[in-house]
C-alpha atoms as a PDB file:
ATOM      1  CA  MET A   1     -19.045  12.520  39.090  1.00  0.00           C
ATOM      2  CA  ALA A   2     -18.008  14.939  41.545  1.00  0.00           C
ATOM      3  CA  ALA A   3     -19.585  18.306  41.023  1.00  0.00           C
ATOM      4  CA  ILE A   4     -17.763  21.441  41.024  1.00  0.00           C
ATOM      5  CA  SER A   5     -18.478  23.720  44.110  1.00  0.00           C
ATOM      6  CA  VAL A   6     -19.876  26.477  42.989  1.00  0.00           C
ATOM      7  CA  THR A   7     -20.141  29.763  45.251  1.00  0.00           C
ATOM      8  CA  ALA A   8     -23.682  31.645  43.883  1.00  0.00           C
ATOM      9  CA  ALA A   9     -22.399  34.810  45.237  1.00  0.00           C
ATOM     10  CA  SER A  10     -19.704  34.804  43.057  1.00  0.00           C
ATOM     11  CA  VAL A  11     -20.904  33.981  39.297  1.00  0.00           C
ATOM     12  CA  GLU A  12     -21.148  36.737  37.132  1.00  0.00           C
ATOM     13  CA  ARG A  13     -21.496  37.658  33.223  1.00  0.00           C
ATOM     14  CA  ILE A  14     -18.064  38.580  31.858  1.00  0.00           C
ATOM     15  CA  SER A  15     -19.295  38.986  28.436  1.00  0.00           C
ATOM     16  CA  GLY A  16     -21.779  37.365  26.037  1.00  0.00           C
ATOM     17  CA  ALA A  17     -25.431  37.164  25.240  1.00  0.00           C
ATOM     18  CA  THR A  18     -28.196  36.815  28.378  1.00  0.00           C
ATOM     19  CA  LYS A  19     -31.855  36.335  28.224  1.00  0.00           C
ATOM     20  CA  THR A  20     -34.849  36.463  30.698  1.00  0.00           C
ATOM     21  CA  VAL A  21     -36.378  33.454  31.492  1.00  0.00           C
ATOM     22  CA  THR A  22     -38.861  32.349  34.640  1.00  0.00           C
ATOM     23  CA  ALA A  23     -38.219  29.747  37.085  1.00  0.00           C
ATOM     24  CA  GLY A  24     -40.472  26.657  37.058  1.00  0.00           C
ATOM     25  CA  ALA A  25     -38.867  25.898  40.413  1.00  0.00           C
ATOM     26  CA  THR A  26     -35.962  27.363  42.656  1.00  0.00           C
ATOM     27  CA  VAL A  27     -32.939  28.213  40.749  1.00  0.00           C
ATOM     28  CA  THR A  28     -29.427  29.109  42.107  1.00  0.00           C
ATOM     29  CA  ALA A  29     -26.784  31.158  40.419  1.00  0.00           C
ATOM     30  CA  GLY A  30     -24.309  29.161  38.565  1.00  0.00           C
ATOM     31  CA  GLN A  31     -26.802  26.270  37.827  1.00  0.00           C
ATOM     32  CA  PRO A  32     -27.767  25.320  34.408  1.00  0.00           C
ATOM     33  CA  VAL A  33     -31.193  25.260  33.257  1.00  0.00           C
ATOM     34  CA  TYR A  34     -33.371  23.792  30.385  1.00  0.00           C
ATOM     35  CA  LYS A  35     -36.799  25.319  29.341  1.00  0.00           C
ATOM     36  CA  ASP A  36     -39.527  22.778  29.634  1.00  0.00           C
ATOM     37  CA  ILE A  37     -41.781  22.495  26.355  1.00  0.00           C
ATOM     38  CA  THR A  38     -44.781  21.877  28.421  1.00  0.00           C
ATOM     39  CA  ASP A  39     -44.853  25.074  30.708  1.00  0.00           C
ATOM     40  CA  GLY A  40     -42.140  27.173  28.933  1.00  0.00           C
ATOM     41  CA  ASN A  41     -40.467  27.492  32.275  1.00  0.00           C
ATOM     42  CA  ALA A  42     -36.658  27.115  33.471  1.00  0.00           C
ATOM     43  CA  TYR A  43     -35.682  24.166  35.449  1.00  0.00           C
ATOM     44  CA  LYS A  44     -31.926  22.567  36.779  1.00  0.00           C
ATOM     45  CA  ALA A  45     -30.798  20.571  34.031  1.00  0.00           C
ATOM     46  CA  ALA A  46     -29.755  16.830  34.768  1.00  0.00           C
ATOM     47  CA  ILE A  47     -28.138  14.394  32.005  1.00  0.00           C
ATOM     48  CA  ASN A  48     -29.839  11.435  33.893  1.00  0.00           C
ATOM     49  CA  THR A  49     -33.412  12.299  33.778  1.00  0.00           C
ATOM     50  CA  SER A  50     -34.223  12.852  29.771  1.00  0.00           C
ATOM     51  CA  ASN A  51     -32.922  14.586  26.803  1.00  0.00           C
ATOM     52  CA  LEU A  52     -35.284  17.249  27.899  1.00  0.00           C
ATOM     53  CA  ALA A  53     -33.674  17.895  30.763  1.00  0.00           C
ATOM     54  CA  ALA A  54     -30.183  17.975  29.480  1.00  0.00           C
ATOM     55  CA  ASN A  55     -31.000  20.399  26.686  1.00  0.00           C
ATOM     56  CA  VAL A  56     -29.431  23.286  28.671  1.00  0.00           C
ATOM     57  CA  GLU A  57     -30.451  26.728  27.436  1.00  0.00           C
ATOM     58  CA  GLY A  58     -27.827  28.592  29.838  1.00  0.00           C
ATOM     59  CA  ILE A  59     -26.427  29.310  33.063  1.00  0.00           C
ATOM     60  CA  ALA A  60     -28.492  31.114  35.935  1.00  0.00           C
ATOM     61  CA  LEU A  61     -26.680  34.589  36.847  1.00  0.00           C
ATOM     62  CA  GLY A  62     -29.066  34.847  39.816  1.00  0.00           C
ATOM     63  CA  GLY A  63     -31.147  32.633  42.057  1.00  0.00           C
ATOM     64  CA  ALA A  64     -34.764  32.893  41.636  1.00  0.00           C
ATOM     65  CA  ALA A  65     -38.409  31.109  43.216  1.00  0.00           C
ATOM     66  CA  ARG A  66     -40.805  29.701  41.241  1.00  0.00           C
ATOM     67  CA  THR A  67     -42.681  31.762  39.255  1.00  0.00           C
ATOM     68  CA  GLN A  68     -39.529  34.590  39.528  1.00  0.00           C
ATOM     69  CA  LYS A  69     -37.975  35.901  36.662  1.00  0.00           C
ATOM     70  CA  PHE A  70     -34.137  35.641  36.482  1.00  0.00           C
ATOM     71  CA  VAL A  71     -31.340  36.255  34.271  1.00  0.00           C
ATOM     72  CA  ILE A  72     -29.514  33.252  32.359  1.00  0.00           C
ATOM     73  CA  GLN A  73     -26.222  33.604  29.994  1.00  0.00           C
ATOM     74  CA  THR A  74     -25.856  31.649  26.974  1.00  0.00           C
ATOM     75  CA  THR A  75     -22.827  32.428  24.967  1.00  0.00           C
ATOM     76  CA  GLY A  76     -19.222  34.094  25.838  1.00  0.00           C
ATOM     77  CA  LYS A  77     -17.403  34.152  29.163  1.00  0.00           C
ATOM     78  CA  ILE A  78     -18.766  33.281  32.439  1.00  0.00           C
ATOM     79  CA  ASP A  79     -17.446  33.633  36.058  1.00  0.00           C
ATOM     80  CA  ILE A  80     -18.872  30.417  37.363  1.00  0.00           C
ATOM     81  CA  GLY A  81     -18.043  31.232  40.884  1.00  0.00           C
ATOM     82  CA  ALA A  82     -15.751  27.910  41.457  1.00  0.00           C
ATOM     83  CA  THR A  83     -11.869  26.916  40.419  1.00  0.00           C
ATOM     84  CA  THR A  84     -11.554  25.468  37.144  1.00  0.00           C
ATOM     85  CA  ALA A  85      -8.766  24.271  35.064  1.00  0.00           C
ATOM     86  CA  ALA A  86      -7.485  25.905  32.089  1.00  0.00           C
ATOM     87  CA  GLY A  87      -8.240  23.731  28.688  1.00  0.00           C
ATOM     88  CA  HIS A  88     -10.435  21.354  30.864  1.00  0.00           C
ATOM     89  CA  PRO A  89     -14.054  20.671  29.567  1.00  0.00           C
ATOM     90  CA  TYR A  90     -16.915  20.871  31.547  1.00  0.00           C
ATOM     91  CA  GLY A  91     -20.433  19.803  31.489  1.00  0.00           C
ATOM     92  CA  VAL A  92     -23.912  18.869  33.227  1.00  0.00           C
ATOM     93  CA  GLY A  93     -24.163  16.620  35.892  1.00  0.00           C
ATOM     94  CA  ASP A  94     -26.319  13.683  37.221  1.00  0.00           C
ATOM     95  CA  ALA A  95     -27.748  15.813  39.644  1.00  0.00           C
ATOM     96  CA  ALA A  96     -30.285  18.712  39.119  1.00  0.00           C
ATOM     97  CA  GLY A  97     -28.317  21.939  38.408  1.00  0.00           C
ATOM     98  CA  GLU A  98     -24.544  20.339  38.829  1.00  0.00           C
ATOM     99  CA  ILE A  99     -21.544  21.242  36.813  1.00  0.00           C
ATOM    100  CA  VAL A 100     -19.272  18.781  36.528  1.00  0.00           C
ATOM    101  CA  GLU A 101     -15.311  18.534  35.201  1.00  0.00           C
ATOM    102  CA  TRP A 102     -14.735  16.209  32.488  1.00  0.00           C
ATOM    103  CA  ASP A 103     -12.327  13.869  32.358  1.00  0.00           C
ATOM    104  CA  THR A 104      -9.279  14.845  30.487  1.00  0.00           C
ATOM    105  CA  ASN A 105      -6.356  12.491  31.534  1.00  0.00           C
ATOM    106  CA  GLY A 106      -8.258   8.884  31.796  1.00  0.00           C
ATOM    107  CA  ALA A 107      -7.740   9.066  35.349  1.00  0.00           C
ATOM    108  CA  SER A 108     -10.700  10.529  36.770  1.00  0.00           C
ATOM    109  CA  SER A 109     -13.884   8.552  37.424  1.00  0.00           C
ATOM    110  CA  VAL A 110     -16.239  11.193  35.972  1.00  0.00           C
ATOM    111  CA  GLN A 111     -17.868   9.423  33.027  1.00  0.00           C
ATOM    112  CA  ILE A 112     -21.321   9.519  31.293  1.00  0.00           C
ATOM    113  CA  ALA A 113     -22.953   6.586  31.582  1.00  0.00           C
ATOM    114  CA  SER A 114     -24.975   4.465  29.512  1.00  0.00           C
ATOM    115  CA  GLY A 115     -28.502   5.972  28.955  1.00  0.00           C
ATOM    116  CA  GLU A 116     -27.507   9.487  30.105  1.00  0.00           C
ATOM    117  CA  PHE A 117     -27.599  12.759  27.749  1.00  0.00           C
ATOM    118  CA  GLY A 118     -23.954  14.609  27.180  1.00  0.00           C
ATOM    119  CA  THR A 119     -24.413  18.361  27.391  1.00  0.00           C
ATOM    120  CA  PHE A 120     -21.393  19.908  27.300  1.00  0.00           C
ATOM    121  CA  LEU A 121     -21.193  23.327  28.733  1.00  0.00           C
ATOM    122  CA  GLY A 122     -17.629  25.140  27.848  1.00  0.00           C
ATOM    123  CA  VAL A 123     -13.911  25.324  28.390  1.00  0.00           C
ATOM    124  CA  GLY A 124     -12.218  26.572  31.717  1.00  0.00           C
ATOM    125  CA  LEU A 125     -10.144  29.408  30.410  1.00  0.00           C
ATOM    126  CA  ASP A 126      -7.769  29.670  34.027  1.00  0.00           C
ATOM    127  CA  THR A 127      -8.239  28.724  37.451  1.00  0.00           C
ATOM    128  CA  VAL A 128      -9.743  31.302  38.976  1.00  0.00           C
ATOM    129  CA  GLY A 129     -13.635  30.508  37.696  1.00  0.00           C
ATOM    130  CA  THR A 130     -13.663  31.916  33.674  1.00  0.00           C
ATOM    131  CA  VAL A 131     -15.545  29.262  31.436  1.00  0.00           C
ATOM    132  CA  LEU A 132     -16.231  30.155  27.698  1.00  0.00           C
ATOM    133  CA  LEU A 133     -19.728  28.835  27.061  1.00  0.00           C
ATOM    134  CA  LYS A 134     -20.309  26.947  24.212  1.00  0.00           C
ATOM    135  CA  ILE A 135     -23.387  25.084  25.290  1.00  0.00           C
ATOM    136  CA  THR A 136     -24.140  21.861  22.955  1.00  0.00           C
ATOM    137  CA  PRO A 137     -26.416  19.141  24.072  1.00  0.00           C
ATOM    138  CA  SER A 138     -25.600  15.738  22.391  1.00  0.00           C
ATOM    139  CA  GLY A 139     -29.465  15.132  21.798  1.00  0.00           C
ATOM    140  CA  LYS A 140     -28.540  11.136  22.075  1.00  0.00           C
ATOM    141  CA  ALA A 141     -28.368   8.624  25.091  1.00  0.00           C
ATOM    142  CA  VAL A 142     -24.927   6.922  25.942  1.00  0.00           C
ATOM    143  CA  ALA A 143     -25.194   3.760  24.507  1.00  0.00           C
END
């Protein structure tokens, strides 16, 4: 899957809910994160690791090193800091912390592979980075 190119300094909340979490490892603004059930800390999400790692809690609004607090956005509109496409769906990618545009016309190679856990993040609202977050982990591996 080809990840969108996020400029961390351009990521910002437009509207919607946020919460403060603690980093379990280094996190950069614009990366989707999940909460680890063992230590309660936030880590970069990925769909090819486990159902837990694909269970996104929010998008990082700022960066943090391990044990530092940072804010994530859980709902609403976010400027994801990347070029987006209106009406196109976005989800979590294979690599930890990446966001990908899901295939909308059958011509793209962006697919969720067998054994991966698809997590929908939201829909692009324009071409300047606005995404409406509707975070929805599937909870199921693709057969």
